[in-house]
Amino acid sequence: MSGAVRDSPEHAPSDLWVVGNVLIDLMMKGVPEIPRWGEEVLAASRSQQIGGQGANLARAAVRFGLSTTLASVVGDDEPGTRIRETLAADGISTEALEVVPGNTGFAVAAVREDGERAFITDLGCSGALTVESVLQHARALKRSRSIALVGTSNLPGVSLAAAARLLAEAKGSGVLTVFDPGWGQDIRSGRDLDAILEATDVFLPNRDEAQAMTGHSDIRAILEELRSRSPGAVIVTCGEEGSVTLDGDTPVMVEALPVHVDNAVGAGDVFAAGVISGLLDEGDLVGAVVRGTAAAASYVSRSEERCEAIGTWRELAADVTVHRL
């Protein structure tokens, strides 16, 4: 998808550009355990929805009032058409959501009763998304307030070196850059990953990813090493324990709220949307993490209208506990 840079009248500057994958999620809920080969287990219920880190983050961002553009790809099939129509109806700009030949990605999520999940994913046409295709919209991208590159482990067409180039170009134009790699990529690789971190204002790994990158299990050691490699903020998500970051030189733990978890699929993307909106609104890192924590709690505790629940984050934010370690 090469060619001249495009910037249509409809493609006005956005608060947030999201670059990430889009697919259809089939949720199998109430799964007691993952079956072994030749076995079968029964789910309590099922549902189907639009998923992928890119779509999840974009849909959450608009609930925070952020004008949002999604750069991704879908196939020229019925699910691809449905995704484009649904996201546009949600208020997301689909100018950079390309239609390519092939099947739209599809994932089966097995969700336990406690909300934990496991995935089997067919990436479909997701490999067609490249940094070159995103940079066809470079003029609009560089006028936005922020960009989030997410789920690179599910974007085979986006190498670590290309990801670093994309974020560096955005950062050079004064755009707030956010990076959440997703598990699966070889995040322990050295030079290319460090080039990404140098161009990242907010790095959002989970604890497993952070441990793989640093070789440390102690959270203080993880934070200190990542800070030495990245000039921006580092926020490490730790599941039901909450998340940790550095406020200056002080490690800060923001505890997760004790809610009943109906379904954790997409929780990290909602958290990221809360963090980004908090930083754009107020510029306070710890306050942004509190906002993301409250929004994620609202989201995971609902079985229906999950995106709508994000708007109740203010009601829960006062209950979020912050510890300076």
Protein backbone atom coordinates (compact mmCIF):
# COMPACT_ATOMS: atom_id res chain seq x y z
CA MET A 1 0.00 0.00 0.00
CA SER A 2 2.57 2.53 -1.12
CA GLY A 3 1.96 5.90 -2.71
CA ALA A 4 1.60 9.58 -1.95
CA VAL A 5 0.75 10.82 1.49
CA ARG A 6 -3.00 11.24 1.85
CA ASP A 7 -4.83 13.71 4.05
CA SER A 8 -8.50 14.00 3.18
CA PRO A 9 -10.79 16.75 4.53
CA GLU A 10 -12.51 14.18 6.73
CA HIS A 11 -9.21 13.22 8.31
CA ALA A 12 -9.04 16.06 10.82
CA PRO A 13 -6.46 15.99 13.64
CA SER A 14 -7.37 13.47 16.34
CA ASP A 15 -6.69 13.33 20.06
CA LEU A 16 -5.46 9.76 19.57
CA TRP A 17 -4.25 7.55 16.75
CA VAL A 18 -4.38 3.84 17.54
CA VAL A 19 -2.25 1.47 15.46
CA GLY A 20 -3.11 -2.16 16.19
CA ASN A 21 -4.97 -5.28 15.16
CA VAL A 22 -8.71 -5.74 14.68
CA LEU A 23 -10.58 -9.05 14.61
CA ILE A 24 -13.70 -10.89 15.65
CA ASP A 25 -13.68 -12.44 19.14
CA LEU A 26 -15.78 -15.49 19.90
CA MET A 27 -16.09 -15.62 23.69
CA MET A 28 -16.70 -19.02 25.27
CA LYS A 29 -17.53 -18.16 28.90
CA GLY A 30 -17.57 -20.33 31.99
CA VAL A 31 -14.90 -22.69 30.62
CA PRO A 32 -13.68 -24.83 33.56
CA GLU A 33 -10.35 -25.80 31.98
CA ILE A 34 -8.59 -25.97 28.63
CA PRO A 35 -9.16 -29.46 27.19
CA ARG A 36 -6.33 -31.77 26.25
CA TRP A 37 -6.15 -33.16 22.72
CA GLY A 38 -9.06 -35.51 22.10
CA GLU A 39 -11.11 -34.09 24.98
CA GLU A 40 -14.07 -31.75 25.15
CA VAL A 41 -15.23 -29.29 27.80
CA LEU A 42 -18.51 -27.40 27.96
CA ALA A 43 -18.87 -23.63 28.17
CA ALA A 44 -21.69 -21.95 30.08
CA SER A 45 -22.43 -19.36 27.36
CA ARG A 46 -20.97 -17.65 24.31
CA SER A 47 -20.97 -14.28 22.59
CA GLN A 48 -19.32 -12.70 19.59
CA GLN A 49 -17.91 -9.19 19.40
CA ILE A 50 -15.33 -6.96 17.74
CA GLY A 51 -11.93 -7.38 19.37
CA GLY A 52 -8.21 -7.01 18.94
CA GLN A 53 -6.03 -4.60 20.90
CA GLY A 54 -6.44 -1.85 18.32
CA ALA A 55 -10.23 -1.97 18.28
CA ASN A 56 -10.52 -2.42 22.06
CA LEU A 57 -8.35 0.61 22.77
CA ALA A 58 -10.06 2.80 20.16
CA ARG A 59 -13.54 1.94 21.42
CA ALA A 60 -12.53 2.67 25.01
CA ALA A 61 -10.87 5.96 24.04
CA VAL A 62 -14.04 7.39 22.53
CA ARG A 63 -15.81 6.62 25.83
CA PHE A 64 -13.33 8.98 27.46
CA GLY A 65 -14.26 11.66 24.94
CA LEU A 66 -11.13 11.36 22.81
CA SER A 67 -11.49 11.88 19.08
CA THR A 68 -9.88 8.68 17.83
CA THR A 69 -8.53 7.35 14.55
CA LEU A 70 -7.85 3.63 14.11
CA ALA A 71 -5.12 2.48 11.71
CA SER A 72 -5.54 -1.22 10.98
CA VAL A 73 -6.70 -3.68 8.32
CA VAL A 74 -9.75 -5.86 7.78
CA GLY A 75 -10.51 -8.37 5.06
CA ASP A 76 -12.85 -7.88 2.12
CA ASP A 77 -15.39 -10.20 3.77
CA GLU A 78 -18.60 -9.79 5.76
CA PRO A 79 -16.86 -9.53 9.17
CA GLY A 80 -14.61 -6.81 7.77
CA THR A 81 -17.60 -4.81 6.57
CA ARG A 82 -19.34 -5.27 9.91
CA ILE A 83 -16.27 -4.09 11.81
CA ARG A 84 -15.90 -0.94 9.73
CA GLU A 85 -19.59 -0.06 10.07
CA THR A 86 -19.67 -0.73 13.82
CA LEU A 87 -16.52 1.25 14.60
CA ALA A 88 -17.71 4.17 12.50
CA ALA A 89 -21.03 4.11 14.36
CA ASP A 90 -19.03 4.21 17.62
CA GLY A 91 -17.55 7.52 16.48
CA ILE A 92 -14.11 6.19 15.50
CA SER A 93 -12.49 7.55 12.36
CA THR A 94 -11.96 4.66 9.93
CA GLU A 95 -10.08 6.68 7.31
CA ALA A 96 -6.94 4.64 8.03
CA LEU A 97 -8.75 1.31 8.48
CA GLU A 98 -7.83 -0.37 5.21
CA VAL A 99 -9.76 -3.12 3.43
CA VAL A 100 -7.41 -5.75 1.96
CA PRO A 101 -8.00 -9.07 0.17
CA GLY A 102 -8.44 -12.01 2.51
CA ASN A 103 -10.12 -13.03 5.72
CA THR A 104 -10.52 -10.75 8.72
CA GLY A 105 -8.75 -12.03 11.83
CA PHE A 106 -10.67 -14.28 14.21
CA ALA A 107 -10.00 -15.40 17.80
CA VAL A 108 -11.65 -17.89 20.14
CA ALA A 109 -11.35 -16.81 23.77
CA ALA A 110 -11.88 -19.39 26.50
CA VAL A 111 -12.94 -17.46 29.63
CA ARG A 112 -12.84 -19.06 33.08
CA GLU A 113 -15.43 -18.29 35.76
CA ASP A 114 -12.95 -15.90 37.43
CA GLY A 115 -12.57 -13.94 34.17
CA GLU A 116 -9.10 -15.22 33.22
CA ARG A 117 -8.80 -16.05 29.54
CA ALA A 118 -6.82 -17.91 26.90
CA PHE A 119 -6.89 -17.35 23.15
CA ILE A 120 -6.62 -19.27 19.91
CA THR A 121 -6.15 -16.74 17.10
CA ASP A 122 -6.12 -16.77 13.32
CA LEU A 123 -4.50 -13.48 12.36
CA GLY A 124 -6.05 -13.59 8.90
CA CYS A 125 -5.05 -10.55 6.87
CA SER A 126 -3.47 -8.72 9.85
CA GLY A 127 -0.02 -9.05 8.30
CA ALA A 128 -1.03 -6.53 5.64
CA LEU A 129 -0.76 -3.70 8.15
CA THR A 130 2.66 -2.07 7.77
CA VAL A 131 4.30 1.10 8.98
CA GLU A 132 4.45 2.24 5.37
CA SER A 133 0.67 1.97 5.08
CA VAL A 134 0.19 3.96 8.29
CA LEU A 135 2.61 6.66 7.14
CA GLN A 136 0.49 7.26 4.06
CA HIS A 137 -1.53 9.31 6.55
CA ALA A 138 1.55 10.94 8.08
CA ARG A 139 0.32 14.51 7.84
CA ALA A 140 -2.81 13.81 9.89
CA LEU A 141 -0.93 11.53 12.26
CA LYS A 142 1.68 14.18 13.05
CA ARG A 143 -1.07 16.71 13.84
CA SER A 144 -2.66 14.41 16.44
CA ARG A 145 -2.08 14.73 20.19
CA SER A 146 -1.06 11.11 20.79
CA ILE A 147 -0.38 7.77 19.13
CA ALA A 148 -0.65 4.30 20.68
CA LEU A 149 1.08 1.40 18.95
CA VAL A 150 -0.34 -1.77 20.50
CA GLY A 151 -0.23 -5.53 20.05
CA THR A 152 2.79 -5.67 17.75
CA SER A 153 3.02 -9.38 18.56
CA ASN A 154 -0.14 -9.78 16.43
CA LEU A 155 1.10 -7.54 13.61
CA PRO A 156 3.55 -9.66 11.59
CA GLY A 157 3.96 -6.86 9.04
CA VAL A 158 5.32 -4.46 11.68
CA SER A 159 8.91 -5.21 12.70
CA LEU A 160 10.46 -3.76 15.83
CA ALA A 161 12.71 -1.57 13.69
CA ALA A 162 9.73 -0.24 11.71
CA ALA A 163 7.79 0.34 14.95
CA ALA A 164 10.69 2.41 16.28
CA ARG A 165 10.70 4.50 13.10
CA LEU A 166 6.95 5.16 13.35
CA LEU A 167 7.13 6.29 16.97
CA ALA A 168 10.25 8.36 16.37
CA GLU A 169 8.58 10.25 13.50
CA ALA A 170 5.52 10.93 15.66
CA LYS A 171 7.56 11.97 18.71
CA GLY A 172 9.63 14.28 16.54
CA SER A 173 6.43 16.15 15.71
CA GLY A 174 5.50 16.57 19.38
CA VAL A 175 3.00 13.69 19.50
CA LEU A 176 2.70 11.77 22.79
CA THR A 177 3.86 8.22 22.00
CA VAL A 178 2.53 5.11 23.76
CA PHE A 179 3.76 1.53 23.22
CA ASP A 180 2.16 -1.72 24.44
CA PRO A 181 3.81 -4.67 22.67
CA GLY A 182 1.52 -7.52 23.71
CA TRP A 183 2.91 -10.91 24.64
CA GLY A 184 4.45 -13.10 21.95
CA GLN A 185 6.96 -10.86 20.21
CA ASP A 186 10.62 -11.42 20.97
CA ILE A 187 10.66 -8.46 23.32
CA ARG A 188 14.02 -9.52 24.69
CA SER A 189 15.77 -8.44 21.48
CA GLY A 190 18.17 -5.64 22.18
CA ARG A 191 18.87 -2.86 19.71
CA ASP A 192 15.50 -2.59 17.99
CA LEU A 193 13.58 -2.66 21.26
CA ASP A 194 15.80 0.00 22.79
CA ALA A 195 15.18 2.16 19.72
CA ILE A 196 11.44 1.85 20.38
CA LEU A 197 11.86 2.73 24.05
CA GLU A 198 13.89 5.82 23.17
CA ALA A 199 10.94 7.03 21.07
CA THR A 200 8.27 6.10 23.65
CA ASP A 201 6.75 8.55 26.12
CA VAL A 202 4.61 5.93 27.89
CA PHE A 203 5.62 2.25 27.91
CA LEU A 204 2.90 -0.17 29.05
CA PRO A 205 4.23 -3.74 29.43
CA ASN A 206 2.65 -6.32 31.69
CA ARG A 207 4.78 -7.94 34.35
CA ASP A 208 5.59 -11.05 32.30
CA GLU A 209 6.80 -8.90 29.41
CA ALA A 210 8.81 -6.65 31.72
CA GLN A 211 10.47 -9.65 33.38
CA ALA A 212 11.38 -11.13 29.99
CA MET A 213 12.87 -7.81 28.88
CA THR A 214 14.95 -7.21 32.00
CA GLY A 215 15.64 -10.65 33.43
CA HIS A 216 14.48 -9.35 36.83
CA SER A 217 11.58 -10.57 38.98
CA ASP A 218 11.79 -7.80 41.61
CA ILE A 219 9.50 -4.96 40.57
CA ARG A 220 11.88 -2.24 41.79
CA ALA A 221 14.70 -3.69 39.70
CA ILE A 222 12.38 -3.94 36.70
CA LEU A 223 11.34 -0.29 36.98
CA GLU A 224 14.89 0.95 37.47
CA GLU A 225 16.24 -0.92 34.45
CA LEU A 226 13.39 0.11 32.17
CA ARG A 227 13.78 3.72 33.25
CA SER A 228 17.46 3.52 32.34
CA ARG A 229 16.48 2.37 28.86
CA SER A 230 13.51 4.67 28.27
CA PRO A 231 13.33 8.45 28.74
CA GLY A 232 9.56 8.27 29.19
CA ALA A 233 7.20 6.88 31.81
CA VAL A 234 7.02 3.13 32.44
CA ILE A 235 3.82 1.57 33.80
CA VAL A 236 3.92 -2.17 34.51
CA THR A 237 0.53 -3.85 34.85
CA CYS A 238 0.41 -6.72 37.36
CA GLY A 239 -3.05 -8.21 36.86
CA GLU A 240 -5.21 -8.42 39.97
CA GLU A 241 -2.47 -6.78 42.06
CA GLY A 242 -2.74 -3.51 40.14
CA SER A 243 0.03 -1.58 38.40
CA VAL A 244 3.33 0.06 39.31
CA THR A 245 5.15 3.10 38.01
CA LEU A 246 7.74 5.65 39.09
CA ASP A 247 6.75 9.08 40.32
CA GLY A 248 10.15 10.74 40.07
CA ASP A 249 12.39 8.28 41.91
CA THR A 250 9.57 6.83 44.03
CA PRO A 251 7.94 3.52 43.04
CA VAL A 252 4.16 3.80 43.21
CA MET A 253 1.70 0.90 43.41
CA VAL A 254 -1.86 1.57 42.30
CA GLU A 255 -3.99 -1.30 43.56
CA ALA A 256 -6.66 -2.95 41.43
CA LEU A 257 -10.17 -2.54 42.79
CA PRO A 258 -11.68 -5.68 44.38
CA VAL A 259 -14.54 -6.24 41.93
CA HIS A 260 -16.09 -9.44 40.63
CA VAL A 261 -14.44 -10.12 37.26
CA ASP A 262 -16.94 -11.29 34.68
CA ASN A 263 -14.58 -11.18 31.70
CA ALA A 264 -11.03 -9.78 31.56
CA VAL A 265 -10.75 -9.71 27.75
CA GLY A 266 -9.81 -6.16 26.74
CA ALA A 267 -9.14 -4.95 30.30
CA GLY A 268 -5.57 -3.91 29.53
CA ASP A 269 -6.73 -1.88 26.53
CA VAL A 270 -9.33 -0.06 28.63
CA PHE A 271 -6.63 0.63 31.22
CA ALA A 272 -4.39 2.08 28.50
CA ALA A 273 -7.21 4.30 27.21
CA GLY A 274 -7.74 5.64 30.73
CA VAL A 275 -4.04 6.38 31.14
CA ILE A 276 -3.85 8.19 27.80
CA SER A 277 -6.97 10.26 28.46
CA GLY A 278 -5.68 11.18 31.92
CA LEU A 279 -2.34 12.33 30.56
CA LEU A 280 -3.98 14.36 27.79
CA ASP A 281 -6.50 15.91 30.18
CA GLU A 282 -4.35 16.64 33.22
CA GLY A 283 -0.78 15.51 32.58
CA ASP A 284 -0.44 13.76 35.95
CA LEU A 285 1.00 10.24 35.65
CA VAL A 286 -0.30 8.75 38.91
CA GLY A 287 -3.72 10.34 38.39
CA ALA A 288 -3.81 8.84 34.89
CA VAL A 289 -3.03 5.37 36.27
CA VAL A 290 -5.83 5.79 38.83
CA ARG A 291 -8.22 6.70 36.00
CA GLY A 292 -7.20 3.64 33.99
CA THR A 293 -7.56 1.41 37.05
CA ALA A 294 -11.08 2.64 37.80
CA ALA A 295 -12.17 2.29 34.16
CA ALA A 296 -10.81 -1.25 33.90
CA ALA A 297 -12.67 -2.23 37.08
CA SER A 298 -15.93 -0.90 35.64
CA TYR A 299 -15.30 -2.76 32.41
CA VAL A 300 -14.36 -6.22 33.70
CA SER A 301 -17.20 -6.40 36.21
CA ARG A 302 -19.96 -6.05 33.61
CA SER A 303 -21.31 -8.90 31.51
CA GLU A 304 -23.23 -6.58 29.18
CA GLU A 305 -22.71 -3.02 27.90
CA ARG A 306 -19.07 -3.24 28.91
CA CYS A 307 -17.88 -0.23 26.89
CA GLU A 308 -20.70 1.90 28.26
CA ALA A 309 -19.54 1.02 31.79
CA ILE A 310 -16.22 2.80 31.19
CA GLY A 311 -18.00 6.13 31.68
CA THR A 312 -18.54 5.32 35.37
CA TRP A 313 -14.81 5.46 36.16
CA ARG A 314 -15.22 8.67 38.21
CA GLU A 315 -17.53 6.86 40.62
CA LEU A 316 -14.80 4.32 41.40
CA ALA A 317 -11.67 6.50 41.23
CA ALA A 318 -12.06 7.69 44.82
CA ASP A 319 -11.83 4.07 45.99
CA VAL A 320 -8.51 3.36 44.25
CA THR A 321 -5.63 2.93 46.72
CA VAL A 322 -2.21 4.41 45.89
CA HIS A 323 0.91 3.28 47.78
CA ARG A 324 4.27 5.04 47.57
CA LEU A 325 6.69 2.19 48.15
